[in-house]
C-alpha cells in the first residue's frame, strides 16, 4: 500500500480526468483513476505515462463500486455525465442513455463521500445555473441545472467542497470532430448547431487539457488557508464569438474555413438556444480571468494558443508564422 495521500479522480480517462490526474500526481498524491474499463488499452494509453496512477473500476450506477472506489480518499475530484441522448445526440444515435440523471449521479457520490473519515475536499465539477443566468427562461436545460442541484445538496449536507465552473471545452473541437479537413484535404470544415448568426454565439473557451489540472491543484493547495469552501471559480479564458474563433483558425492555419451548420435537435430549451441568446450570459458578472484565479497566478491558454498547440496539429496542419 502506498504511503502517499490518496486522490480519487472520477472520469479519469476523459479530458477533465486526464488533466487532473497529471496535476495531482505531480503534487505527490497516489491517484486512483476511476473508469469503467481499467484494463482497456485506451485507458493505458491515456494514463500509463503518469506516475503513481492506478486505474480502478467504477460505475456511478453501481453503489458498491462507488464505496470501493472512494475508500481511503483524502481528495475526490467528481463529475457527472450528461445523458447525451437527451441533451446532445441526434435522433438515431447509438449512445446509451444513462439510468441516473446528473443530480442522481452526484447525490450517489456525495452520499458515499459523507461516510469517509479522512476526506478533506470533495471537488465538484460544475457549471453556472441556466435557470439563474436566464432569470427562469431556461428551466429544462439539465446539462447545466442538474450539476447546480448537486452543489445545493453538497452544501445542505456540509461536505467540504469547492466548485470549478467549467466553460466551453476548446478540446471538443478535436475530441468530437467539430473541426475536420474537407474532402479536398486542404480546407477546414467547422461544424456547429445552426445559430442565427456567427456573432450571436459567445462561448467562454477553456483548454481543459492545458489548464484544468493546474487550476484544481492550485485551489486544493489554498483550500484551507484561504477558506475556499463552497466558492465558485470561472474556469475559462474569455468569451469568443464563433466568427472570431473561425477567423483565428483561418489565420493560424492559413487555410480556408467553411462553417457547416448542423440541425438543432432535443428539447425546446436547448443548449444551442442558451448559447445564442443575447440576453443570457454563460457566467454571472465578473472579469476574465477569474480574479481569484488570477491572484494565484493562473494564466489560461488563449483560443489562438489552443489552435496552435492542439487543433492545427490534430488536423495534421503546421501552423503558419
C-alpha atoms as a PDB file:
ATOM      1  CA  UNK A   1       0.000   0.000   0.000  1.00  0.00           C
ATOM      2  CA  UNK A   2       1.297   3.440  -0.940  1.00  0.00           C
ATOM      3  CA  UNK A   3       2.230   5.881   1.818  1.00  0.00           C
ATOM      4  CA  UNK A   4       1.186   8.805  -0.387  1.00  0.00           C
ATOM      5  CA  UNK A   5      -2.119  10.583   0.314  1.00  0.00           C
ATOM      6  CA  UNK A   6      -4.897   9.233  -1.910  1.00  0.00           C
ATOM      7  CA  UNK A   7      -6.669  11.362  -4.506  1.00  0.00           C
ATOM      8  CA  UNK A   8      -9.589   9.826  -6.384  1.00  0.00           C
ATOM      9  CA  UNK A   9     -10.477  11.128  -9.845  1.00  0.00           C
ATOM     10  CA  UNK A  10     -13.857  10.324 -11.383  1.00  0.00           C
ATOM     11  CA  UNK A  11     -13.936  10.197 -15.190  1.00  0.00           C
ATOM     12  CA  UNK A  12     -10.193   9.702 -15.283  1.00  0.00           C
ATOM     13  CA  UNK A  13      -9.909   8.854 -18.974  1.00  0.00           C
ATOM     14  CA  UNK A  14     -11.900  11.885 -20.118  1.00  0.00           C
ATOM     15  CA  UNK A  15     -10.448  15.297 -20.886  1.00  0.00           C
ATOM     16  CA  UNK A  16     -11.033  16.584 -17.350  1.00  0.00           C
ATOM     17  CA  UNK A  17      -9.802  13.440 -15.664  1.00  0.00           C
ATOM     18  CA  UNK A  18      -6.500  13.098 -17.501  1.00  0.00           C
ATOM     19  CA  UNK A  19      -5.622  16.734 -16.815  1.00  0.00           C
ATOM     20  CA  UNK A  20      -6.446  16.409 -13.110  1.00  0.00           C
ATOM     21  CA  UNK A  21      -4.641  13.054 -12.776  1.00  0.00           C
ATOM     22  CA  UNK A  22      -1.451  14.566 -14.191  1.00  0.00           C
ATOM     23  CA  UNK A  23      -1.574  17.545 -11.841  1.00  0.00           C
ATOM     24  CA  UNK A  24      -2.320  15.597  -8.651  1.00  0.00           C
ATOM     25  CA  UNK A  25       0.358  13.045  -9.490  1.00  0.00           C
ATOM     26  CA  UNK A  26       2.901  15.877  -9.710  1.00  0.00           C
ATOM     27  CA  UNK A  27       1.644  17.162  -6.357  1.00  0.00           C
ATOM     28  CA  UNK A  28       2.621  13.907  -4.681  1.00  0.00           C
ATOM     29  CA  UNK A  29      -0.683  12.076  -4.489  1.00  0.00           C
ATOM     30  CA  UNK A  30      -1.361   8.447  -5.164  1.00  0.00           C
ATOM     31  CA  UNK A  31      -4.088   8.806  -7.788  1.00  0.00           C
ATOM     32  CA  UNK A  32      -6.899   6.283  -8.078  1.00  0.00           C
ATOM     33  CA  UNK A  33      -8.136   6.835 -11.608  1.00  0.00           C
ATOM     34  CA  UNK A  34     -11.756   5.722 -11.871  1.00  0.00           C
ATOM     35  CA  UNK A  35     -13.028   4.227 -15.099  1.00  0.00           C
ATOM     36  CA  UNK A  36     -15.427   1.551 -16.269  1.00  0.00           C
ATOM     37  CA  UNK A  37     -12.602  -0.004 -18.299  1.00  0.00           C
ATOM     38  CA  UNK A  38      -9.439  -0.068 -16.129  1.00  0.00           C
ATOM     39  CA  UNK A  39      -7.760  -2.766 -18.229  1.00  0.00           C
ATOM     40  CA  UNK A  40      -8.538  -1.327 -21.662  1.00  0.00           C
ATOM     41  CA  UNK A  41      -5.723  -0.386 -23.995  1.00  0.00           C
ATOM     42  CA  UNK A  42      -7.264   3.072 -24.361  1.00  0.00           C
ATOM     43  CA  UNK A  43      -7.012   3.543 -20.585  1.00  0.00           C
ATOM     44  CA  UNK A  44      -3.368   2.509 -20.597  1.00  0.00           C
ATOM     45  CA  UNK A  45      -2.676   4.883 -23.485  1.00  0.00           C
ATOM     46  CA  UNK A  46      -4.151   7.853 -21.620  1.00  0.00           C
ATOM     47  CA  UNK A  47      -2.887   7.139 -18.095  1.00  0.00           C
ATOM     48  CA  UNK A  48       0.057   4.791 -18.499  1.00  0.00           C
ATOM     49  CA  UNK A  49       2.698   7.501 -18.571  1.00  0.00           C
ATOM     50  CA  UNK A  50       1.552   9.233 -15.371  1.00  0.00           C
ATOM     51  CA  UNK A  51       3.402   8.325 -12.167  1.00  0.00           C
ATOM     52  CA  UNK A  52       1.533   6.914  -9.153  1.00  0.00           C
ATOM     53  CA  UNK A  53      -1.730   6.420 -11.041  1.00  0.00           C
ATOM     54  CA  UNK A  54      -3.828   3.288 -10.583  1.00  0.00           C
ATOM     55  CA  UNK A  55      -6.776   2.693 -12.944  1.00  0.00           C
ATOM     56  CA  UNK A  56      -9.690   1.410 -10.858  1.00  0.00           C
ATOM     57  CA  UNK A  57     -13.120   0.080 -11.798  1.00  0.00           C
ATOM     58  CA  UNK A  58     -16.013   2.460 -11.205  1.00  0.00           C
ATOM     59  CA  UNK A  59     -19.603   2.752 -12.340  1.00  0.00           C
ATOM     60  CA  UNK A  60     -21.686   5.501 -10.765  1.00  0.00           C
ATOM     61  CA  UNK A  61     -24.805   3.388 -11.287  1.00  0.00           C
ATOM     62  CA  UNK A  62     -23.357   0.635  -9.074  1.00  0.00           C
ATOM     63  CA  UNK A  63     -23.408   1.778  -5.403  1.00  0.00           C
ATOM     64  CA  UNK A  64     -20.904  -0.868  -4.289  1.00  0.00           C
ATOM     65  CA  UNK A  65     -18.356   0.317  -6.836  1.00  0.00           C
ATOM     66  CA  UNK A  66     -18.603   3.888  -5.519  1.00  0.00           C
ATOM     67  CA  UNK A  67     -17.850   2.717  -1.976  1.00  0.00           C
ATOM     68  CA  UNK A  68     -14.834   0.668  -3.079  1.00  0.00           C
ATOM     69  CA  UNK A  69     -13.516   3.431  -5.315  1.00  0.00           C
ATOM     70  CA  UNK A  70     -13.801   6.186  -2.686  1.00  0.00           C
ATOM     71  CA  UNK A  71     -12.397   4.206   0.238  1.00  0.00           C
ATOM     72  CA  UNK A  72      -9.450   5.968   1.913  1.00  0.00           C
ATOM     73  CA  UNK A  73      -9.643   9.131  -0.203  1.00  0.00           C
ATOM     74  CA  UNK A  74      -8.371  12.473   1.059  1.00  0.00           C
ATOM     75  CA  UNK A  75      -9.250  14.299  -2.155  1.00  0.00           C
ATOM     76  CA  UNK A  76     -12.043  13.439  -4.599  1.00  0.00           C
ATOM     77  CA  UNK A  77     -12.480  15.111  -7.978  1.00  0.00           C
ATOM     78  CA  UNK A  78     -16.034  14.283  -9.003  1.00  0.00           C
ATOM     79  CA  UNK A  79     -18.102  14.959 -12.088  1.00  0.00           C
ATOM     80  CA  UNK A  80     -21.353  13.782 -13.624  1.00  0.00           C
ATOM     81  CA  UNK A  81     -22.062  12.616 -17.132  1.00  0.00           C
ATOM     82  CA  UNK A  82     -24.981  14.154 -19.013  1.00  0.00           C
ATOM     83  CA  UNK A  83     -27.492  11.981 -20.762  1.00  0.00           C
ATOM     84  CA  UNK A  84     -26.182  12.722 -24.232  1.00  0.00           C
ATOM     85  CA  UNK A  85     -29.180  11.023 -25.777  1.00  0.00           C
ATOM     86  CA  UNK A  86     -31.446  13.629 -24.185  1.00  0.00           C
ATOM     87  CA  UNK A  87     -29.078  16.606 -24.409  1.00  0.00           C
ATOM     88  CA  UNK A  88     -26.808  16.477 -27.441  1.00  0.00           C
ATOM     89  CA  UNK A  89     -27.202  13.390 -29.584  1.00  0.00           C
ATOM     90  CA  UNK A  90     -29.294  13.449 -32.769  1.00  0.00           C
ATOM     91  CA  UNK A  91     -32.195  11.048 -33.369  1.00  0.00           C
ATOM     92  CA  UNK A  92     -30.994   7.512 -34.043  1.00  0.00           C
ATOM     93  CA  UNK A  93     -27.770   7.878 -32.050  1.00  0.00           C
ATOM     94  CA  UNK A  94     -26.318   4.640 -30.656  1.00  0.00           C
ATOM     95  CA  UNK A  95     -25.107   6.372 -27.461  1.00  0.00           C
ATOM     96  CA  UNK A  96     -26.557   4.544 -24.459  1.00  0.00           C
ATOM     97  CA  UNK A  97     -28.895   6.526 -22.252  1.00  0.00           C
ATOM     98  CA  UNK A  98     -27.985   6.626 -18.544  1.00  0.00           C
ATOM     99  CA  UNK A  99     -30.331   5.391 -15.846  1.00  0.00           C
ATOM    100  CA  UNK A 100     -29.357   8.165 -13.435  1.00  0.00           C
ATOM    101  CA  UNK A 101     -29.595  11.840 -14.272  1.00  0.00           C
ATOM    102  CA  UNK A 102     -26.757  14.163 -13.280  1.00  0.00           C
ATOM    103  CA  UNK A 103     -28.240  15.114  -9.932  1.00  0.00           C
ATOM    104  CA  UNK A 104     -28.777  11.452  -9.056  1.00  0.00           C
ATOM    105  CA  UNK A 105     -25.188  10.646 -10.051  1.00  0.00           C
ATOM    106  CA  UNK A 106     -23.835  13.468  -7.923  1.00  0.00           C
ATOM    107  CA  UNK A 107     -26.048  12.588  -4.968  1.00  0.00           C
ATOM    108  CA  UNK A 108     -24.901   8.957  -5.092  1.00  0.00           C
ATOM    109  CA  UNK A 109     -21.263  10.064  -4.883  1.00  0.00           C
ATOM    110  CA  UNK A 110     -21.890  12.683  -2.193  1.00  0.00           C
ATOM    111  CA  UNK A 111     -23.736  10.166  -0.019  1.00  0.00           C
ATOM    112  CA  UNK A 112     -20.728   7.849  -0.067  1.00  0.00           C
ATOM    113  CA  UNK A 113     -18.253  10.695   0.431  1.00  0.00           C
ATOM    114  CA  UNK A 114     -20.093  11.785   3.592  1.00  0.00           C
ATOM    115  CA  UNK A 115     -19.141   8.475   5.224  1.00  0.00           C
ATOM    116  CA  UNK A 116     -15.393   8.885   4.628  1.00  0.00           C
ATOM    117  CA  UNK A 117     -13.374   9.656   7.768  1.00  0.00           C
ATOM    118  CA  UNK A 118     -10.254  11.016   6.064  1.00  0.00           C
ATOM    119  CA  UNK A 119     -11.810  13.031   3.236  1.00  0.00           C
ATOM    120  CA  UNK A 120     -10.605  16.631   3.174  1.00  0.00           C
ATOM    121  CA  UNK A 121     -12.027  18.029  -0.076  1.00  0.00           C
ATOM    122  CA  UNK A 122     -14.732  16.884  -2.476  1.00  0.00           C
ATOM    123  CA  UNK A 123     -14.226  18.913  -5.659  1.00  0.00           C
ATOM    124  CA  UNK A 124     -17.419  19.146  -7.706  1.00  0.00           C
ATOM    125  CA  UNK A 125     -17.052  19.964 -11.412  1.00  0.00           C
ATOM    126  CA  UNK A 126     -19.986  22.162 -12.342  1.00  0.00           C
ATOM    127  CA  UNK A 127     -21.354  24.997 -14.474  1.00  0.00           C
ATOM    128  CA  UNK A 128     -23.356  28.141 -13.755  1.00  0.00           C
ATOM    129  CA  UNK A 129     -27.099  27.663 -13.395  1.00  0.00           C
ATOM    130  CA  UNK A 130     -29.008  28.233 -16.632  1.00  0.00           C
ATOM    131  CA  UNK A 131     -32.115  28.949 -14.548  1.00  0.00           C
ATOM    132  CA  UNK A 132     -30.411  31.753 -12.623  1.00  0.00           C
ATOM    133  CA  UNK A 133     -28.490  33.165 -15.583  1.00  0.00           C
ATOM    134  CA  UNK A 134     -31.608  33.303 -17.754  1.00  0.00           C
ATOM    135  CA  UNK A 135     -33.850  34.541 -14.914  1.00  0.00           C
ATOM    136  CA  UNK A 136     -36.060  31.496 -15.273  1.00  0.00           C
ATOM    137  CA  UNK A 137     -36.142  31.275 -19.077  1.00  0.00           C
ATOM    138  CA  UNK A 138     -34.183  28.010 -19.423  1.00  0.00           C
ATOM    139  CA  UNK A 139     -35.627  25.723 -16.779  1.00  0.00           C
ATOM    140  CA  UNK A 140     -35.223  22.364 -18.535  1.00  0.00           C
ATOM    141  CA  UNK A 141     -31.556  22.645 -19.554  1.00  0.00           C
ATOM    142  CA  UNK A 142     -30.356  19.686 -17.493  1.00  0.00           C
ATOM    143  CA  UNK A 143     -26.792  19.904 -18.810  1.00  0.00           C
ATOM    144  CA  UNK A 144     -26.355  22.935 -16.540  1.00  0.00           C
ATOM    145  CA  UNK A 145     -29.098  22.832 -13.938  1.00  0.00           C
ATOM    146  CA  UNK A 146     -28.663  19.327 -12.509  1.00  0.00           C
ATOM    147  CA  UNK A 147     -24.987  19.979 -11.728  1.00  0.00           C
ATOM    148  CA  UNK A 148     -26.061  23.015  -9.729  1.00  0.00           C
ATOM    149  CA  UNK A 149     -28.608  20.950  -7.817  1.00  0.00           C
ATOM    150  CA  UNK A 150     -25.702  18.788  -6.659  1.00  0.00           C
ATOM    151  CA  UNK A 151     -23.964  21.929  -5.345  1.00  0.00           C
ATOM    152  CA  UNK A 152     -27.028  22.677  -3.238  1.00  0.00           C
ATOM    153  CA  UNK A 153     -27.051  19.116  -1.910  1.00  0.00           C
ATOM    154  CA  UNK A 154     -23.346  19.310  -1.031  1.00  0.00           C
ATOM    155  CA  UNK A 155     -23.907  22.499   0.945  1.00  0.00           C
ATOM    156  CA  UNK A 156     -27.010  21.104   2.613  1.00  0.00           C
ATOM    157  CA  UNK A 157     -25.018  18.087   3.838  1.00  0.00           C
ATOM    158  CA  UNK A 158     -21.965  20.113   4.884  1.00  0.00           C
ATOM    159  CA  UNK A 159     -19.481  18.227   2.701  1.00  0.00           C
ATOM    160  CA  UNK A 160     -16.221  20.215   2.324  1.00  0.00           C
ATOM    161  CA  UNK A 161     -16.068  21.296  -1.298  1.00  0.00           C
ATOM    162  CA  UNK A 162     -15.380  23.997  -3.877  1.00  0.00           C
ATOM    163  CA  UNK A 163     -16.928  24.448  -7.302  1.00  0.00           C
ATOM    164  CA  UNK A 164     -14.962  24.975 -10.522  1.00  0.00           C
ATOM    165  CA  UNK A 165     -17.444  26.242 -13.141  1.00  0.00           C
ATOM    166  CA  UNK A 166     -16.081  24.965 -16.437  1.00  0.00           C
ATOM    167  CA  UNK A 167     -16.583  26.925 -19.634  1.00  0.00           C
ATOM    168  CA  UNK A 168     -16.864  25.616 -23.189  1.00  0.00           C
ATOM    169  CA  UNK A 169     -14.203  22.979 -23.813  1.00  0.00           C
ATOM    170  CA  UNK A 170     -11.866  24.019 -26.616  1.00  0.00           C
ATOM    171  CA  UNK A 171     -10.755  20.373 -26.556  1.00  0.00           C
ATOM    172  CA  UNK A 172     -14.087  19.256 -28.013  1.00  0.00           C
ATOM    173  CA  UNK A 173     -13.112  20.655 -31.395  1.00  0.00           C
ATOM    174  CA  UNK A 174     -10.810  17.642 -31.684  1.00  0.00           C
ATOM    175  CA  UNK A 175     -12.462  15.172 -29.298  1.00  0.00           C
ATOM    176  CA  UNK A 176     -15.835  15.384 -31.045  1.00  0.00           C
ATOM    177  CA  UNK A 177     -14.546  16.195 -34.531  1.00  0.00           C
ATOM    178  CA  UNK A 178     -16.169  19.614 -34.598  1.00  0.00           C
ATOM    179  CA  UNK A 179     -13.315  20.628 -36.894  1.00  0.00           C
ATOM    180  CA  UNK A 180     -12.199  18.357 -39.713  1.00  0.00           C
ATOM    181  CA  UNK A 181     -10.492  18.511 -43.060  1.00  0.00           C
ATOM    182  CA  UNK A 182     -12.725  18.908 -46.087  1.00  0.00           C
ATOM    183  CA  UNK A 183     -12.743  16.168 -48.753  1.00  0.00           C
ATOM    184  CA  UNK A 184     -10.211  18.201 -50.766  1.00  0.00           C
ATOM    185  CA  UNK A 185      -7.701  17.698 -47.934  1.00  0.00           C
ATOM    186  CA  UNK A 186      -6.984  21.417 -47.660  1.00  0.00           C
ATOM    187  CA  UNK A 187      -9.975  23.380 -46.405  1.00  0.00           C
ATOM    188  CA  UNK A 188     -11.270  23.059 -42.832  1.00  0.00           C
ATOM    189  CA  UNK A 189     -14.907  22.327 -42.027  1.00  0.00           C
ATOM    190  CA  UNK A 190     -16.248  23.744 -38.757  1.00  0.00           C
ATOM    191  CA  UNK A 191     -19.493  22.066 -37.686  1.00  0.00           C
ATOM    192  CA  UNK A 192     -21.844  23.562 -35.122  1.00  0.00           C
ATOM    193  CA  UNK A 193     -25.572  23.509 -34.447  1.00  0.00           C
ATOM    194  CA  UNK A 194     -27.038  26.227 -36.625  1.00  0.00           C
ATOM    195  CA  UNK A 195     -27.028  29.622 -34.846  1.00  0.00           C
ATOM    196  CA  UNK A 196     -28.895  32.702 -36.108  1.00  0.00           C
ATOM    197  CA  UNK A 197     -25.552  34.345 -36.935  1.00  0.00           C
ATOM    198  CA  UNK A 198     -21.941  33.535 -36.161  1.00  0.00           C
ATOM    199  CA  UNK A 199     -21.553  36.594 -33.956  1.00  0.00           C
ATOM    200  CA  UNK A 200     -24.626  35.643 -31.894  1.00  0.00           C
ATOM    201  CA  UNK A 201     -22.908  32.717 -30.156  1.00  0.00           C
ATOM    202  CA  UNK A 202     -20.397  33.759 -27.479  1.00  0.00           C
ATOM    203  CA  UNK A 203     -18.630  30.897 -25.741  1.00  0.00           C
ATOM    204  CA  UNK A 204     -16.243  31.118 -22.759  1.00  0.00           C
ATOM    205  CA  UNK A 205     -13.382  28.990 -24.042  1.00  0.00           C
ATOM    206  CA  UNK A 206     -11.056  26.889 -21.893  1.00  0.00           C
ATOM    207  CA  UNK A 207      -8.428  24.354 -22.876  1.00  0.00           C
ATOM    208  CA  UNK A 208      -9.155  21.654 -20.314  1.00  0.00           C
ATOM    209  CA  UNK A 209      -6.104  19.551 -21.162  1.00  0.00           C
ATOM    210  CA  UNK A 210      -3.836  22.572 -20.822  1.00  0.00           C
ATOM    211  CA  UNK A 211      -5.329  24.358 -17.815  1.00  0.00           C
ATOM    212  CA  UNK A 212      -7.766  22.407 -15.643  1.00  0.00           C
ATOM    213  CA  UNK A 213      -5.193  20.348 -13.755  1.00  0.00           C
ATOM    214  CA  UNK A 214      -3.295  23.487 -12.752  1.00  0.00           C
ATOM    215  CA  UNK A 215      -6.499  25.163 -11.565  1.00  0.00           C
ATOM    216  CA  UNK A 216      -7.586  22.210  -9.417  1.00  0.00           C
ATOM    217  CA  UNK A 217      -4.096  21.666  -7.995  1.00  0.00           C
ATOM    218  CA  UNK A 218      -3.796  25.331  -7.029  1.00  0.00           C
ATOM    219  CA  UNK A 219      -7.213  25.528  -5.388  1.00  0.00           C
ATOM    220  CA  UNK A 220      -6.600  22.368  -3.369  1.00  0.00           C
ATOM    221  CA  UNK A 221      -3.340  23.855  -2.055  1.00  0.00           C
ATOM    222  CA  UNK A 222      -5.133  27.053  -0.975  1.00  0.00           C
ATOM    223  CA  UNK A 223      -8.400  25.487   0.170  1.00  0.00           C
ATOM    224  CA  UNK A 224      -7.774  25.559   3.917  1.00  0.00           C
ATOM    225  CA  UNK A 225      -5.561  28.640   4.230  1.00  0.00           C
ATOM    226  CA  UNK A 226      -7.847  30.856   2.121  1.00  0.00           C
ATOM    227  CA  UNK A 227     -11.157  29.303   3.217  1.00  0.00           C
ATOM    228  CA  UNK A 228     -12.346  28.339  -0.265  1.00  0.00           C
ATOM    229  CA  UNK A 229     -15.240  26.192   0.970  1.00  0.00           C
ATOM    230  CA  UNK A 230     -18.245  26.466  -1.384  1.00  0.00           C
ATOM    231  CA  UNK A 231     -16.622  29.151  -3.528  1.00  0.00           C
ATOM    232  CA  UNK A 232     -17.136  29.228  -7.303  1.00  0.00           C
ATOM    233  CA  UNK A 233     -14.386  29.778  -9.860  1.00  0.00           C
ATOM    234  CA  UNK A 234     -14.870  30.718 -13.525  1.00  0.00           C
ATOM    235  CA  UNK A 235     -12.647  28.260 -15.387  1.00  0.00           C
ATOM    236  CA  UNK A 236     -12.375  29.927 -18.789  1.00  0.00           C
ATOM    237  CA  UNK A 237     -10.055  32.358 -20.540  1.00  0.00           C
ATOM    238  CA  UNK A 238     -12.691  34.707 -22.006  1.00  0.00           C
ATOM    239  CA  UNK A 239     -15.724  34.857 -24.304  1.00  0.00           C
ATOM    240  CA  UNK A 240     -15.265  34.351 -28.047  1.00  0.00           C
ATOM    241  CA  UNK A 241     -17.833  34.647 -30.815  1.00  0.00           C
ATOM    242  CA  UNK A 242     -17.960  31.812 -33.329  1.00  0.00           C
ATOM    243  CA  UNK A 243     -16.874  34.261 -36.009  1.00  0.00           C
ATOM    244  CA  UNK A 244     -13.763  35.219 -34.036  1.00  0.00           C
ATOM    245  CA  UNK A 245     -12.955  31.556 -33.474  1.00  0.00           C
ATOM    246  CA  UNK A 246     -13.277  30.733 -37.175  1.00  0.00           C
ATOM    247  CA  UNK A 247     -11.197  33.751 -38.164  1.00  0.00           C
ATOM    248  CA  UNK A 248      -8.449  32.664 -35.762  1.00  0.00           C
ATOM    249  CA  UNK A 249      -8.384  29.124 -37.173  1.00  0.00           C
ATOM    250  CA  UNK A 250      -8.053  30.532 -40.700  1.00  0.00           C
ATOM    251  CA  UNK A 251      -5.268  32.923 -39.701  1.00  0.00           C
ATOM    252  CA  UNK A 252      -3.249  30.365 -37.730  1.00  0.00           C
ATOM    253  CA  UNK A 253      -3.562  27.557 -40.288  1.00  0.00           C
ATOM    254  CA  UNK A 254      -3.525  29.600 -43.468  1.00  0.00           C
ATOM    255  CA  UNK A 255      -6.471  27.529 -44.670  1.00  0.00           C
ATOM    256  CA  UNK A 256      -9.985  28.399 -45.792  1.00  0.00           C
ATOM    257  CA  UNK A 257     -12.505  27.613 -43.045  1.00  0.00           C
ATOM    258  CA  UNK A 258     -16.071  26.754 -44.016  1.00  0.00           C
ATOM    259  CA  UNK A 259     -18.849  26.919 -41.435  1.00  0.00           C
ATOM    260  CA  UNK A 260     -21.193  23.905 -41.643  1.00  0.00           C
ATOM    261  CA  UNK A 261     -24.496  24.467 -39.791  1.00  0.00           C
ATOM    262  CA  UNK A 262     -25.898  21.380 -38.102  1.00  0.00           C
ATOM    263  CA  UNK A 263     -29.552  20.763 -37.256  1.00  0.00           C
ATOM    264  CA  UNK A 264     -30.711  21.550 -33.745  1.00  0.00           C
ATOM    265  CA  UNK A 265     -32.484  18.694 -32.006  1.00  0.00           C
ATOM    266  CA  UNK A 266     -33.720  17.946 -28.499  1.00  0.00           C
ATOM    267  CA  UNK A 267     -35.807  19.985 -26.097  1.00  0.00           C
ATOM    268  CA  UNK A 268     -37.097  23.455 -26.859  1.00  0.00           C
ATOM    269  CA  UNK A 269     -34.827  24.978 -24.218  1.00  0.00           C
ATOM    270  CA  UNK A 270     -31.681  23.546 -25.755  1.00  0.00           C
ATOM    271  CA  UNK A 271     -28.044  24.318 -25.054  1.00  0.00           C
ATOM    272  CA  UNK A 272     -27.917  25.876 -28.520  1.00  0.00           C
ATOM    273  CA  UNK A 273     -30.733  28.316 -27.685  1.00  0.00           C
ATOM    274  CA  UNK A 274     -28.947  29.208 -24.455  1.00  0.00           C
ATOM    275  CA  UNK A 275     -25.593  29.834 -26.153  1.00  0.00           C
ATOM    276  CA  UNK A 276     -27.124  32.024 -28.871  1.00  0.00           C
ATOM    277  CA  UNK A 277     -29.397  34.052 -26.582  1.00  0.00           C
ATOM    278  CA  UNK A 278     -28.073  37.644 -26.482  1.00  0.00           C
ATOM    279  CA  UNK A 279     -29.795  38.252 -23.156  1.00  0.00           C
ATOM    280  CA  UNK A 280     -28.186  35.329 -21.339  1.00  0.00           C
ATOM    281  CA  UNK A 281     -24.537  35.230 -20.274  1.00  0.00           C
ATOM    282  CA  UNK A 282     -22.903  31.888 -19.546  1.00  0.00           C
ATOM    283  CA  UNK A 283     -21.328  33.180 -16.334  1.00  0.00           C
ATOM    284  CA  UNK A 284     -22.508  35.591 -13.654  1.00  0.00           C
ATOM    285  CA  UNK A 285     -20.979  39.047 -13.896  1.00  0.00           C
ATOM    286  CA  UNK A 286     -17.220  39.109 -13.480  1.00  0.00           C
ATOM    287  CA  UNK A 287     -13.976  39.686 -15.299  1.00  0.00           C
ATOM    288  CA  UNK A 288     -11.738  37.251 -17.126  1.00  0.00           C
ATOM    289  CA  UNK A 289      -9.738  35.596 -15.970  1.00  0.00           C
ATOM    290  CA  UNK A 290     -11.499  34.921 -12.683  1.00  0.00           C
ATOM    291  CA  UNK A 291      -9.996  37.421 -10.256  1.00  0.00           C
ATOM    292  CA  UNK A 292      -9.427  34.790  -7.570  1.00  0.00           C
ATOM    293  CA  UNK A 293      -7.603  32.510 -10.007  1.00  0.00           C
ATOM    294  CA  UNK A 294      -5.590  35.428 -11.368  1.00  0.00           C
ATOM    295  CA  UNK A 295      -4.493  36.244  -7.817  1.00  0.00           C
ATOM    296  CA  UNK A 296      -2.966  32.771  -7.648  1.00  0.00           C
ATOM    297  CA  UNK A 297      -1.003  33.459 -10.831  1.00  0.00           C
ATOM    298  CA  UNK A 298      -3.098  31.230 -13.100  1.00  0.00           C
ATOM    299  CA  UNK A 299      -2.986  32.221 -16.770  1.00  0.00           C
ATOM    300  CA  UNK A 300      -5.268  30.463 -19.218  1.00  0.00           C
ATOM    301  CA  UNK A 301      -4.314  29.415 -22.706  1.00  0.00           C
ATOM    302  CA  UNK A 302      -5.897  31.655 -25.325  1.00  0.00           C
ATOM    303  CA  UNK A 303      -8.024  30.333 -28.174  1.00  0.00           C
ATOM    304  CA  UNK A 304      -5.172  31.106 -30.561  1.00  0.00           C
ATOM    305  CA  UNK A 305      -2.787  29.200 -28.292  1.00  0.00           C
ATOM    306  CA  UNK A 306      -5.142  26.217 -28.348  1.00  0.00           C
ATOM    307  CA  UNK A 307      -5.396  26.307 -32.137  1.00  0.00           C
ATOM    308  CA  UNK A 308      -1.595  26.389 -32.460  1.00  0.00           C
ATOM    309  CA  UNK A 309      -0.824  23.711 -29.868  1.00  0.00           C
ATOM    310  CA  UNK A 310      -3.726  21.298 -30.294  1.00  0.00           C
ATOM    311  CA  UNK A 311      -6.208  21.993 -33.084  1.00  0.00           C
ATOM    312  CA  UNK A 312      -3.883  22.535 -36.037  1.00  0.00           C
ATOM    313  CA  UNK A 313      -1.599  19.577 -35.168  1.00  0.00           C
ATOM    314  CA  UNK A 314      -4.700  17.456 -34.546  1.00  0.00           C
ATOM    315  CA  UNK A 315      -5.703  18.109 -38.144  1.00  0.00           C
ATOM    316  CA  UNK A 316      -2.176  17.405 -39.396  1.00  0.00           C
ATOM    317  CA  UNK A 317      -1.549  21.077 -40.153  1.00  0.00           C
ATOM    318  CA  UNK A 318       1.594  23.033 -39.287  1.00  0.00           C
ATOM    319  CA  UNK A 319       0.610  26.493 -38.042  1.00  0.00           C
ATOM    320  CA  UNK A 320       1.792  29.393 -40.185  1.00  0.00           C
ATOM    321  CA  UNK A 321       4.077  32.016 -38.679  1.00  0.00           C
END
